[in-house]
Amino acid sequence: MRMRLLLAGLLALAAFAAAAAEAPLVLIKTEKGDITVEVDHARAPVTAANFLRYVDGKLYDGSVFHRTVTLANQPDDAVRIEVIQGGLLPDAKAFPPIAHETTATTGLKHLDGTISMARGTPGSATSSFFFCIGLQSELDFGGKRNPDGQGFAAFGKIVSGMDVVKAIHVLPAEGQALKPPVKIISIRRIER
């Protein structure tokens, strides 16, 4: 009997440890539908923690997807990509910038449905993030989308709601600015 109790306890502990190690899920509720994202804190700990502190602080609530980059709206760019970008509203207070985690370090790639941090120079990312539509390898380390070759910090992937991302991607825009922007109602962690 003692052995069975010990075995049951060990199995419960193992199940708890496995659940704790799983990547967090977040639900992005937009006016166009829901997007569920798996955040890869194991491979991109700095970038994942940064995104999750905005989520946990409810700082993305009421923000927007404001940018859509399509093959047609970047005629002067030698390297074209397809993404939608969101983040805090311009007057919102952001946390300080984070260190840049390259895809060479994390092993993550900019695939269809990847979530990644927008940035100017390496180490300048704060709250703006984007979703890839299709394979976007020029956003990886060594890619040519950014002249510094450092790429962008991928930190997770869409597990449901890619149809919503694709619908936002083709909405009316002036240049790359969505007109009107798509409201992000809330972003919250959810249970598996």
N, C-alpha and C. Protein backbone atom coordinates (compact mmCIF):
# COMPACT_ATOMS: atom_id res chain seq x y z
N MET A 1 0.82 -1.20 0.00
CA MET A 1 0.00 0.00 0.00
C MET A 1 0.87 1.26 0.00
N ARG A 2 1.92 1.23 0.82
CA ARG A 2 2.81 2.39 0.88
C ARG A 2 3.46 2.64 -0.48
N MET A 3 3.84 1.56 -1.14
CA MET A 3 4.48 1.68 -2.45
C MET A 3 3.53 2.32 -3.46
N ARG A 4 2.26 1.95 -3.40
CA ARG A 4 1.27 2.53 -4.32
C ARG A 4 1.08 4.02 -4.05
N LEU A 5 1.03 4.39 -2.79
CA LEU A 5 0.89 5.80 -2.44
C LEU A 5 2.11 6.60 -2.90
N LEU A 6 3.29 6.02 -2.69
CA LEU A 6 4.51 6.68 -3.12
C LEU A 6 4.53 6.84 -4.64
N LEU A 7 4.15 5.79 -5.34
CA LEU A 7 4.11 5.84 -6.80
C LEU A 7 3.09 6.88 -7.28
N ALA A 8 1.92 6.91 -6.66
CA ALA A 8 0.89 7.89 -7.03
C ALA A 8 1.39 9.31 -6.79
N GLY A 9 2.08 9.51 -5.68
CA GLY A 9 2.64 10.83 -5.37
C GLY A 9 3.69 11.25 -6.38
N LEU A 10 4.55 10.32 -6.75
CA LEU A 10 5.59 10.63 -7.74
C LEU A 10 4.98 10.95 -9.11
N LEU A 11 3.95 10.21 -9.49
CA LEU A 11 3.28 10.49 -10.77
C LEU A 11 2.62 11.86 -10.75
N ALA A 12 1.99 12.21 -9.64
CA ALA A 12 1.36 13.52 -9.53
C ALA A 12 2.40 14.63 -9.60
N LEU A 13 3.53 14.43 -8.93
CA LEU A 13 4.61 15.41 -8.95
C LEU A 13 5.18 15.57 -10.37
N ALA A 14 5.36 14.46 -11.07
CA ALA A 14 5.87 14.51 -12.44
C ALA A 14 4.89 15.25 -13.36
N ALA A 15 3.60 15.00 -13.19
CA ALA A 15 2.59 15.68 -14.01
C ALA A 15 2.60 17.18 -13.73
N PHE A 16 2.75 17.55 -12.46
CA PHE A 16 2.81 18.96 -12.08
C PHE A 16 4.03 19.63 -12.70
N ALA A 17 5.17 18.97 -12.62
CA ALA A 17 6.42 19.52 -13.17
C ALA A 17 6.32 19.68 -14.69
N ALA A 18 5.71 18.71 -15.35
CA ALA A 18 5.56 18.79 -16.81
C ALA A 18 4.65 19.96 -17.19
N ALA A 19 3.57 20.15 -16.44
CA ALA A 19 2.65 21.26 -16.73
C ALA A 19 3.33 22.60 -16.51
N ALA A 20 4.16 22.70 -15.46
CA ALA A 20 4.87 23.94 -15.18
C ALA A 20 5.89 24.28 -16.26
N ALA A 21 6.44 23.25 -16.89
CA ALA A 21 7.46 23.46 -17.91
C ALA A 21 6.87 23.82 -19.27
N GLU A 22 5.57 23.59 -19.45
CA GLU A 22 4.94 23.89 -20.74
C GLU A 22 4.97 25.39 -21.02
N ALA A 23 5.04 25.71 -22.27
CA ALA A 23 5.04 27.11 -22.68
C ALA A 23 3.70 27.75 -22.35
N PRO A 24 3.72 28.98 -21.82
CA PRO A 24 2.46 29.67 -21.52
C PRO A 24 1.65 29.94 -22.79
N LEU A 25 0.35 29.92 -22.64
CA LEU A 25 -0.56 30.31 -23.72
C LEU A 25 -1.15 31.67 -23.40
N VAL A 26 -1.31 32.50 -24.42
CA VAL A 26 -2.02 33.77 -24.24
C VAL A 26 -3.12 33.87 -25.29
N LEU A 27 -4.21 34.48 -24.88
CA LEU A 27 -5.35 34.70 -25.77
C LEU A 27 -5.42 36.18 -26.10
N ILE A 28 -5.29 36.49 -27.37
CA ILE A 28 -5.41 37.86 -27.85
C ILE A 28 -6.82 38.01 -28.41
N LYS A 29 -7.65 38.80 -27.71
CA LYS A 29 -9.02 39.05 -28.16
C LYS A 29 -9.01 40.36 -28.95
N THR A 30 -9.41 40.27 -30.22
CA THR A 30 -9.48 41.46 -31.06
C THR A 30 -10.92 41.65 -31.53
N GLU A 31 -11.19 42.81 -32.08
CA GLU A 31 -12.52 43.05 -32.62
C GLU A 31 -12.80 42.21 -33.86
N LYS A 32 -11.77 41.58 -34.43
CA LYS A 32 -11.94 40.72 -35.60
C LYS A 32 -11.91 39.23 -35.26
N GLY A 33 -11.68 38.89 -33.99
CA GLY A 33 -11.63 37.49 -33.58
C GLY A 33 -10.47 37.23 -32.64
N ASP A 34 -10.35 35.99 -32.22
CA ASP A 34 -9.35 35.60 -31.21
C ASP A 34 -8.14 34.91 -31.84
N ILE A 35 -6.98 35.16 -31.22
CA ILE A 35 -5.72 34.55 -31.62
C ILE A 35 -5.10 33.95 -30.36
N THR A 36 -4.76 32.67 -30.39
CA THR A 36 -4.09 32.03 -29.26
C THR A 36 -2.64 31.79 -29.62
N VAL A 37 -1.75 32.20 -28.72
CA VAL A 37 -0.31 32.16 -28.96
C VAL A 37 0.38 31.35 -27.87
N GLU A 38 1.32 30.50 -28.28
CA GLU A 38 2.19 29.79 -27.35
C GLU A 38 3.49 30.59 -27.26
N VAL A 39 3.83 31.01 -26.03
CA VAL A 39 5.02 31.83 -25.79
C VAL A 39 6.16 30.92 -25.37
N ASP A 40 7.25 30.94 -26.11
CA ASP A 40 8.37 30.02 -25.88
C ASP A 40 9.39 30.63 -24.90
N HIS A 41 9.05 30.54 -23.62
CA HIS A 41 9.94 31.11 -22.60
C HIS A 41 11.20 30.28 -22.40
N ALA A 42 11.20 29.03 -22.83
CA ALA A 42 12.39 28.18 -22.67
C ALA A 42 13.50 28.61 -23.62
N ARG A 43 13.15 28.93 -24.86
CA ARG A 43 14.18 29.27 -25.85
C ARG A 43 14.40 30.77 -26.01
N ALA A 44 13.42 31.57 -25.66
CA ALA A 44 13.55 33.03 -25.77
C ALA A 44 13.14 33.68 -24.45
N PRO A 45 13.89 33.40 -23.38
CA PRO A 45 13.45 33.83 -22.04
C PRO A 45 13.33 35.34 -21.86
N VAL A 46 14.24 36.10 -22.40
CA VAL A 46 14.20 37.56 -22.22
C VAL A 46 13.01 38.16 -22.95
N THR A 47 12.84 37.78 -24.20
CA THR A 47 11.76 38.33 -25.02
C THR A 47 10.40 37.86 -24.52
N ALA A 48 10.29 36.59 -24.16
CA ALA A 48 9.03 36.05 -23.63
C ALA A 48 8.65 36.76 -22.34
N ALA A 49 9.61 36.93 -21.43
CA ALA A 49 9.33 37.60 -20.15
C ALA A 49 8.89 39.04 -20.39
N ASN A 50 9.50 39.71 -21.35
CA ASN A 50 9.12 41.07 -21.68
C ASN A 50 7.66 41.13 -22.15
N PHE A 51 7.30 40.28 -23.11
CA PHE A 51 5.93 40.26 -23.62
C PHE A 51 4.95 39.94 -22.50
N LEU A 52 5.28 38.94 -21.69
CA LEU A 52 4.36 38.52 -20.62
C LEU A 52 4.20 39.57 -19.54
N ARG A 53 5.20 40.42 -19.32
CA ARG A 53 5.00 41.48 -18.31
C ARG A 53 4.00 42.52 -18.82
N TYR A 54 3.98 42.77 -20.13
CA TYR A 54 2.93 43.63 -20.69
C TYR A 54 1.57 42.96 -20.58
N VAL A 55 1.52 41.65 -20.87
CA VAL A 55 0.27 40.89 -20.77
C VAL A 55 -0.23 40.91 -19.33
N ASP A 56 0.63 40.52 -18.38
CA ASP A 56 0.23 40.43 -16.98
C ASP A 56 -0.16 41.78 -16.40
N GLY A 57 0.44 42.86 -16.90
CA GLY A 57 0.08 44.20 -16.47
C GLY A 57 -1.14 44.77 -17.18
N LYS A 58 -1.72 43.98 -18.09
CA LYS A 58 -2.90 44.38 -18.88
C LYS A 58 -2.63 45.64 -19.70
N LEU A 59 -1.38 45.84 -20.07
CA LEU A 59 -1.00 47.05 -20.79
C LEU A 59 -1.39 47.03 -22.27
N TYR A 60 -1.63 45.85 -22.83
CA TYR A 60 -2.06 45.77 -24.22
C TYR A 60 -3.57 45.98 -24.37
N ASP A 61 -4.31 45.96 -23.26
CA ASP A 61 -5.76 46.12 -23.33
C ASP A 61 -6.10 47.47 -23.97
N GLY A 62 -6.93 47.45 -25.01
CA GLY A 62 -7.33 48.67 -25.69
C GLY A 62 -6.32 49.17 -26.71
N SER A 63 -5.24 48.43 -26.90
CA SER A 63 -4.25 48.82 -27.91
C SER A 63 -4.74 48.34 -29.28
N VAL A 64 -3.86 48.37 -30.28
CA VAL A 64 -4.31 48.07 -31.64
C VAL A 64 -3.26 47.33 -32.46
N PHE A 65 -3.75 46.64 -33.48
CA PHE A 65 -2.92 46.25 -34.62
C PHE A 65 -3.01 47.45 -35.55
N HIS A 66 -1.88 48.09 -35.81
CA HIS A 66 -1.87 49.34 -36.56
C HIS A 66 -1.19 49.25 -37.92
N ARG A 67 -0.49 48.14 -38.17
CA ARG A 67 0.32 48.06 -39.39
C ARG A 67 0.11 46.73 -40.08
N THR A 68 -0.02 46.79 -41.39
CA THR A 68 -0.04 45.59 -42.22
C THR A 68 1.00 45.77 -43.32
N VAL A 69 1.89 44.83 -43.43
CA VAL A 69 2.93 44.88 -44.46
C VAL A 69 2.62 43.77 -45.46
N THR A 70 2.30 44.18 -46.68
CA THR A 70 1.95 43.23 -47.74
C THR A 70 2.96 43.36 -48.87
N LEU A 71 2.95 42.43 -49.78
CA LEU A 71 3.86 42.51 -50.92
C LEU A 71 3.61 43.76 -51.75
N ALA A 72 2.37 44.24 -51.75
CA ALA A 72 2.01 45.39 -52.58
C ALA A 72 2.34 46.75 -51.95
N ASN A 73 2.47 46.83 -50.62
CA ASN A 73 2.63 48.16 -50.01
C ASN A 73 4.06 48.48 -49.55
N GLN A 74 5.03 47.81 -50.13
CA GLN A 74 6.44 48.11 -49.82
C GLN A 74 7.26 48.14 -51.11
N PRO A 75 6.83 48.97 -52.08
CA PRO A 75 7.46 48.94 -53.40
C PRO A 75 8.94 49.33 -53.41
N ASP A 76 9.38 50.09 -52.43
CA ASP A 76 10.77 50.55 -52.42
C ASP A 76 11.70 49.63 -51.62
N ASP A 77 11.15 48.58 -51.03
CA ASP A 77 11.96 47.66 -50.23
C ASP A 77 12.51 46.53 -51.09
N ALA A 78 13.81 46.35 -51.06
CA ALA A 78 14.44 45.26 -51.82
C ALA A 78 14.05 43.91 -51.26
N VAL A 79 13.87 43.84 -49.94
CA VAL A 79 13.48 42.59 -49.27
C VAL A 79 12.07 42.80 -48.73
N ARG A 80 11.13 42.08 -49.29
CA ARG A 80 9.73 42.24 -48.90
C ARG A 80 9.31 41.16 -47.92
N ILE A 81 8.44 41.56 -47.01
CA ILE A 81 7.92 40.65 -45.99
C ILE A 81 6.41 40.79 -45.92
N GLU A 82 5.78 39.88 -45.17
CA GLU A 82 4.34 39.97 -44.92
C GLU A 82 4.11 39.74 -43.43
N VAL A 83 3.66 40.81 -42.75
CA VAL A 83 3.40 40.76 -41.31
C VAL A 83 2.26 41.70 -40.96
N ILE A 84 1.69 41.51 -39.76
CA ILE A 84 0.85 42.53 -39.14
C ILE A 84 1.52 42.88 -37.82
N GLN A 85 1.42 44.15 -37.43
CA GLN A 85 2.11 44.62 -36.23
C GLN A 85 1.14 45.30 -35.28
N GLY A 86 1.33 45.03 -34.00
CA GLY A 86 0.54 45.66 -32.96
C GLY A 86 1.43 46.07 -31.81
N GLY A 87 0.81 46.68 -30.82
CA GLY A 87 1.56 47.11 -29.65
C GLY A 87 0.81 48.20 -28.92
N LEU A 88 1.49 48.85 -28.00
CA LEU A 88 0.87 49.89 -27.20
C LEU A 88 0.50 51.09 -28.06
N LEU A 89 -0.46 51.86 -27.57
CA LEU A 89 -0.81 53.11 -28.22
C LEU A 89 0.35 54.10 -28.03
N PRO A 90 0.49 55.09 -28.92
CA PRO A 90 1.65 55.98 -28.86
C PRO A 90 1.85 56.70 -27.52
N ASP A 91 0.78 57.04 -26.81
CA ASP A 91 0.93 57.77 -25.54
C ASP A 91 1.09 56.86 -24.33
N ALA A 92 1.07 55.56 -24.51
CA ALA A 92 1.21 54.62 -23.39
C ALA A 92 2.67 54.52 -22.95
N LYS A 93 2.86 54.25 -21.67
CA LYS A 93 4.21 54.13 -21.12
C LYS A 93 4.71 52.70 -21.30
N ALA A 94 5.88 52.59 -21.91
CA ALA A 94 6.48 51.27 -22.15
C ALA A 94 7.56 51.00 -21.10
N PHE A 95 7.85 49.72 -20.90
CA PHE A 95 8.99 49.33 -20.07
C PHE A 95 10.27 49.65 -20.83
N PRO A 96 11.41 49.68 -20.14
CA PRO A 96 12.68 49.92 -20.85
C PRO A 96 12.94 48.84 -21.90
N PRO A 97 13.73 49.17 -22.92
CA PRO A 97 14.06 48.19 -23.96
C PRO A 97 14.79 46.97 -23.38
N ILE A 98 14.72 45.88 -24.13
CA ILE A 98 15.32 44.62 -23.68
C ILE A 98 16.50 44.25 -24.58
N ALA A 99 17.33 43.35 -24.06
CA ALA A 99 18.44 42.80 -24.86
C ALA A 99 17.86 42.02 -26.04
N HIS A 100 18.56 42.04 -27.14
CA HIS A 100 18.11 41.37 -28.36
C HIS A 100 18.50 39.89 -28.35
N GLU A 101 17.51 39.01 -28.45
CA GLU A 101 17.74 37.57 -28.56
C GLU A 101 17.60 37.18 -30.03
N THR A 102 18.70 36.90 -30.68
CA THR A 102 18.65 36.57 -32.10
C THR A 102 18.11 35.15 -32.31
N THR A 103 17.66 34.89 -33.52
CA THR A 103 17.21 33.54 -33.86
C THR A 103 18.38 32.57 -33.89
N ALA A 104 19.60 33.08 -34.08
CA ALA A 104 20.78 32.21 -34.02
C ALA A 104 20.98 31.68 -32.60
N THR A 105 20.60 32.48 -31.61
CA THR A 105 20.71 32.08 -30.20
C THR A 105 19.56 31.18 -29.78
N THR A 106 18.34 31.54 -30.16
CA THR A 106 17.15 30.82 -29.69
C THR A 106 16.81 29.59 -30.51
N GLY A 107 17.21 29.58 -31.77
CA GLY A 107 16.83 28.48 -32.65
C GLY A 107 15.43 28.63 -33.23
N LEU A 108 14.71 29.68 -32.84
CA LEU A 108 13.38 29.93 -33.38
C LEU A 108 13.52 30.59 -34.74
N LYS A 109 12.55 30.38 -35.60
CA LYS A 109 12.58 30.94 -36.96
C LYS A 109 11.29 31.70 -37.23
N HIS A 110 11.34 32.57 -38.20
CA HIS A 110 10.17 33.35 -38.60
C HIS A 110 9.36 32.58 -39.65
N LEU A 111 8.53 31.69 -39.14
CA LEU A 111 7.67 30.84 -39.96
C LEU A 111 6.26 31.43 -39.99
N ASP A 112 5.37 30.81 -40.74
CA ASP A 112 3.98 31.21 -40.76
C ASP A 112 3.42 31.14 -39.34
N GLY A 113 2.92 32.26 -38.81
CA GLY A 113 2.34 32.28 -37.48
C GLY A 113 3.30 32.61 -36.35
N THR A 114 4.56 32.87 -36.65
CA THR A 114 5.52 33.24 -35.61
C THR A 114 5.18 34.62 -35.05
N ILE A 115 5.31 34.78 -33.73
CA ILE A 115 5.21 36.09 -33.09
C ILE A 115 6.63 36.54 -32.76
N SER A 116 6.91 37.82 -33.01
CA SER A 116 8.26 38.35 -32.86
C SER A 116 8.18 39.80 -32.40
N MET A 117 9.26 40.30 -31.82
CA MET A 117 9.31 41.69 -31.37
C MET A 117 9.80 42.61 -32.48
N ALA A 118 9.10 43.72 -32.65
CA ALA A 118 9.55 44.76 -33.58
C ALA A 118 10.67 45.54 -32.89
N ARG A 119 11.56 46.11 -33.70
CA ARG A 119 12.67 46.88 -33.13
C ARG A 119 13.23 47.82 -34.19
N GLY A 120 14.03 48.78 -33.73
CA GLY A 120 14.85 49.58 -34.62
C GLY A 120 16.24 48.96 -34.61
N THR A 121 17.06 49.41 -33.69
CA THR A 121 18.40 48.84 -33.52
C THR A 121 18.35 47.67 -32.55
N PRO A 122 19.36 46.79 -32.56
CA PRO A 122 19.39 45.70 -31.58
C PRO A 122 19.35 46.26 -30.15
N GLY A 123 18.50 45.67 -29.33
CA GLY A 123 18.37 46.14 -27.95
C GLY A 123 17.41 47.30 -27.78
N SER A 124 16.58 47.57 -28.78
CA SER A 124 15.61 48.68 -28.68
C SER A 124 14.16 48.21 -28.58
N ALA A 125 13.91 46.90 -28.59
CA ALA A 125 12.53 46.39 -28.54
C ALA A 125 11.89 46.69 -27.19
N THR A 126 10.63 47.11 -27.24
CA THR A 126 9.86 47.34 -26.01
C THR A 126 8.56 46.55 -26.09
N SER A 127 7.50 47.15 -26.64
CA SER A 127 6.18 46.52 -26.60
C SER A 127 5.62 46.09 -27.95
N SER A 128 6.14 46.61 -29.04
CA SER A 128 5.57 46.30 -30.36
C SER A 128 5.94 44.89 -30.80
N PHE A 129 4.95 44.17 -31.31
CA PHE A 129 5.16 42.79 -31.76
C PHE A 129 4.49 42.62 -33.11
N PHE A 130 4.87 41.54 -33.79
CA PHE A 130 4.25 41.27 -35.08
C PHE A 130 4.08 39.78 -35.29
N PHE A 131 3.16 39.45 -36.20
CA PHE A 131 2.92 38.07 -36.62
C PHE A 131 3.35 37.92 -38.07
N CYS A 132 4.04 36.83 -38.37
CA CYS A 132 4.44 36.51 -39.74
C CYS A 132 3.31 35.84 -40.49
N ILE A 133 3.13 36.24 -41.73
CA ILE A 133 2.22 35.57 -42.64
C ILE A 133 3.11 34.89 -43.68
N GLY A 134 3.18 33.57 -43.60
CA GLY A 134 4.08 32.81 -44.46
C GLY A 134 5.50 32.80 -43.90
N LEU A 135 6.37 32.09 -44.58
CA LEU A 135 7.78 32.00 -44.20
C LEU A 135 8.45 33.36 -44.41
N GLN A 136 9.13 33.88 -43.39
CA GLN A 136 9.78 35.19 -43.46
C GLN A 136 11.24 35.07 -43.01
N SER A 137 12.01 34.25 -43.69
CA SER A 137 13.39 33.97 -43.28
C SER A 137 14.30 35.19 -43.32
N GLU A 138 13.94 36.22 -44.06
CA GLU A 138 14.75 37.45 -44.08
C GLU A 138 14.67 38.21 -42.76
N LEU A 139 13.77 37.78 -41.86
CA LEU A 139 13.67 38.37 -40.53
C LEU A 139 14.53 37.63 -39.51
N ASP A 140 15.08 36.48 -39.90
CA ASP A 140 15.97 35.71 -39.02
C ASP A 140 17.36 36.33 -38.99
N PHE A 141 18.18 35.88 -38.03
CA PHE A 141 19.57 36.31 -37.96
C PHE A 141 20.24 36.05 -39.32
N GLY A 142 20.95 37.04 -39.82
CA GLY A 142 21.59 36.92 -41.13
C GLY A 142 20.70 37.34 -42.28
N GLY A 143 19.41 37.57 -42.00
CA GLY A 143 18.49 38.02 -43.04
C GLY A 143 18.77 39.45 -43.44
N LYS A 144 18.22 39.84 -44.57
CA LYS A 144 18.53 41.14 -45.13
C LYS A 144 17.44 42.20 -44.93
N ARG A 145 16.38 41.89 -44.19
CA ARG A 145 15.33 42.89 -44.00
C ARG A 145 15.85 44.08 -43.20
N ASN A 146 16.67 43.83 -42.19
CA ASN A 146 17.30 44.91 -41.43
C ASN A 146 18.78 44.93 -41.80
N PRO A 147 19.31 46.09 -42.17
CA PRO A 147 20.70 46.14 -42.63
C PRO A 147 21.74 45.62 -41.63
N ASP A 148 21.41 45.61 -40.33
CA ASP A 148 22.40 45.14 -39.35
C ASP A 148 22.54 43.62 -39.34
N GLY A 149 21.64 42.90 -40.03
CA GLY A 149 21.74 41.44 -40.13
C GLY A 149 21.44 40.67 -38.86
N GLN A 150 21.00 41.36 -37.81
CA GLN A 150 20.73 40.71 -36.53
C GLN A 150 19.35 40.07 -36.46
N GLY A 151 18.51 40.36 -37.42
CA GLY A 151 17.17 39.79 -37.43
C GLY A 151 16.31 40.33 -36.31
N PHE A 152 15.20 39.65 -36.08
CA PHE A 152 14.24 40.05 -35.06
C PHE A 152 14.07 38.91 -34.07
N ALA A 153 13.59 39.22 -32.88
CA ALA A 153 13.51 38.24 -31.79
C ALA A 153 12.17 37.49 -31.80
N ALA A 154 12.15 36.34 -32.43
CA ALA A 154 10.97 35.46 -32.41
C ALA A 154 10.84 34.87 -31.01
N PHE A 155 9.59 34.74 -30.53
CA PHE A 155 9.42 34.20 -29.18
C PHE A 155 8.19 33.33 -29.01
N GLY A 156 7.58 32.90 -30.09
CA GLY A 156 6.42 32.03 -29.96
C GLY A 156 5.73 31.81 -31.29
N LYS A 157 4.53 31.20 -31.20
CA LYS A 157 3.80 30.88 -32.43
C LYS A 157 2.31 30.84 -32.16
N ILE A 158 1.55 31.06 -33.21
CA ILE A 158 0.10 30.97 -33.14
C ILE A 158 -0.30 29.50 -33.10
N VAL A 159 -1.19 29.15 -32.17
CA VAL A 159 -1.73 27.79 -32.14
C VAL A 159 -3.17 27.75 -32.63
N SER A 160 -3.85 28.89 -32.62
CA SER A 160 -5.16 29.01 -33.27
C SER A 160 -5.42 30.49 -33.55
N GLY A 161 -6.17 30.73 -34.61
CA GLY A 161 -6.51 32.10 -34.98
C GLY A 161 -5.70 32.68 -36.12
N MET A 162 -4.98 31.83 -36.85
CA MET A 162 -4.23 32.34 -38.01
C MET A 162 -5.17 32.95 -39.04
N ASP A 163 -6.41 32.45 -39.10
CA ASP A 163 -7.40 33.02 -40.01
C ASP A 163 -7.69 34.48 -39.66
N VAL A 164 -7.67 34.80 -38.37
CA VAL A 164 -7.89 36.18 -37.92
C VAL A 164 -6.72 37.06 -38.37
N VAL A 165 -5.50 36.57 -38.19
CA VAL A 165 -4.30 37.31 -38.62
C VAL A 165 -4.36 37.58 -40.12
N LYS A 166 -4.71 36.56 -40.89
CA LYS A 166 -4.78 36.73 -42.35
C LYS A 166 -5.88 37.72 -42.75
N ALA A 167 -6.99 37.71 -42.01
CA ALA A 167 -8.08 38.66 -42.29
C ALA A 167 -7.64 40.09 -41.99
N ILE A 168 -6.91 40.30 -40.90
CA ILE A 168 -6.39 41.63 -40.57
C ILE A 168 -5.39 42.08 -41.63
N HIS A 169 -4.58 41.16 -42.09
CA HIS A 169 -3.52 41.46 -43.07
C HIS A 169 -4.05 42.09 -44.35
N VAL A 170 -5.26 41.75 -44.75
CA VAL A 170 -5.80 42.25 -46.02
C VAL A 170 -6.81 43.39 -45.84
N LEU A 171 -6.93 43.93 -44.64
CA LEU A 171 -7.84 45.05 -44.41
C LEU A 171 -7.32 46.31 -45.10
N PRO A 172 -8.20 47.28 -45.34
CA PRO A 172 -7.77 48.53 -45.98
C PRO A 172 -6.67 49.24 -45.19
N ALA A 173 -5.73 49.81 -45.94
CA ALA A 173 -4.61 50.53 -45.33
C ALA A 173 -4.22 51.71 -46.19
N GLU A 174 -3.64 52.71 -45.56
CA GLU A 174 -3.00 53.82 -46.26
C GLU A 174 -1.51 53.59 -46.10
N GLY A 175 -0.86 53.20 -47.17
CA GLY A 175 0.52 52.74 -47.05
C GLY A 175 0.49 51.45 -46.25
N GLN A 176 1.18 51.43 -45.13
CA GLN A 176 1.17 50.26 -44.26
C GLN A 176 0.31 50.45 -43.01
N ALA A 177 -0.32 51.62 -42.87
CA ALA A 177 -1.14 51.92 -41.69
C ALA A 177 -2.56 51.42 -41.90
N LEU A 178 -3.00 50.50 -41.06
CA LEU A 178 -4.38 50.01 -41.13
C LEU A 178 -5.33 51.17 -40.88
N LYS A 179 -6.34 51.31 -41.74
CA LYS A 179 -7.33 52.38 -41.62
C LYS A 179 -8.72 51.80 -41.63
N PRO A 180 -9.38 51.69 -40.51
CA PRO A 180 -8.90 52.02 -39.16
C PRO A 180 -8.05 50.89 -38.59
N PRO A 181 -7.31 51.18 -37.51
CA PRO A 181 -6.57 50.11 -36.83
C PRO A 181 -7.55 49.09 -36.24
N VAL A 182 -7.06 47.90 -35.97
CA VAL A 182 -7.89 46.84 -35.39
C VAL A 182 -7.66 46.82 -33.88
N LYS A 183 -8.74 46.99 -33.14
CA LYS A 183 -8.64 47.07 -31.68
C LYS A 183 -8.29 45.72 -31.06
N ILE A 184 -7.32 45.75 -30.15
CA ILE A 184 -7.01 44.61 -29.29
C ILE A 184 -7.81 44.84 -28.01
N ILE A 185 -8.79 44.00 -27.77
CA ILE A 185 -9.64 44.15 -26.60
C ILE A 185 -8.86 43.80 -25.34
N SER A 186 -8.18 42.65 -25.37
CA SER A 186 -7.38 42.22 -24.22
C SER A 186 -6.40 41.14 -24.66
N ILE A 187 -5.35 40.98 -23.86
CA ILE A 187 -4.43 39.85 -24.00
C ILE A 187 -4.24 39.28 -22.61
N ARG A 188 -4.54 37.99 -22.46
CA ARG A 188 -4.47 37.33 -21.15
C ARG A 188 -3.81 35.96 -21.29
N ARG A 189 -3.14 35.55 -20.21
CA ARG A 189 -2.69 34.16 -20.12
C ARG A 189 -3.91 33.28 -19.97
N ILE A 190 -3.86 32.09 -20.56
CA ILE A 190 -4.96 31.13 -20.40
C ILE A 190 -4.38 29.76 -20.05
N GLU A 191 -5.22 28.92 -19.50
CA GLU A 191 -4.83 27.55 -19.14
C GLU A 191 -4.88 26.66 -20.36
N ARG A 192 -4.08 25.61 -20.34
CA ARG A 192 -4.11 24.61 -21.40
C ARG A 192 -5.29 23.71 -21.21
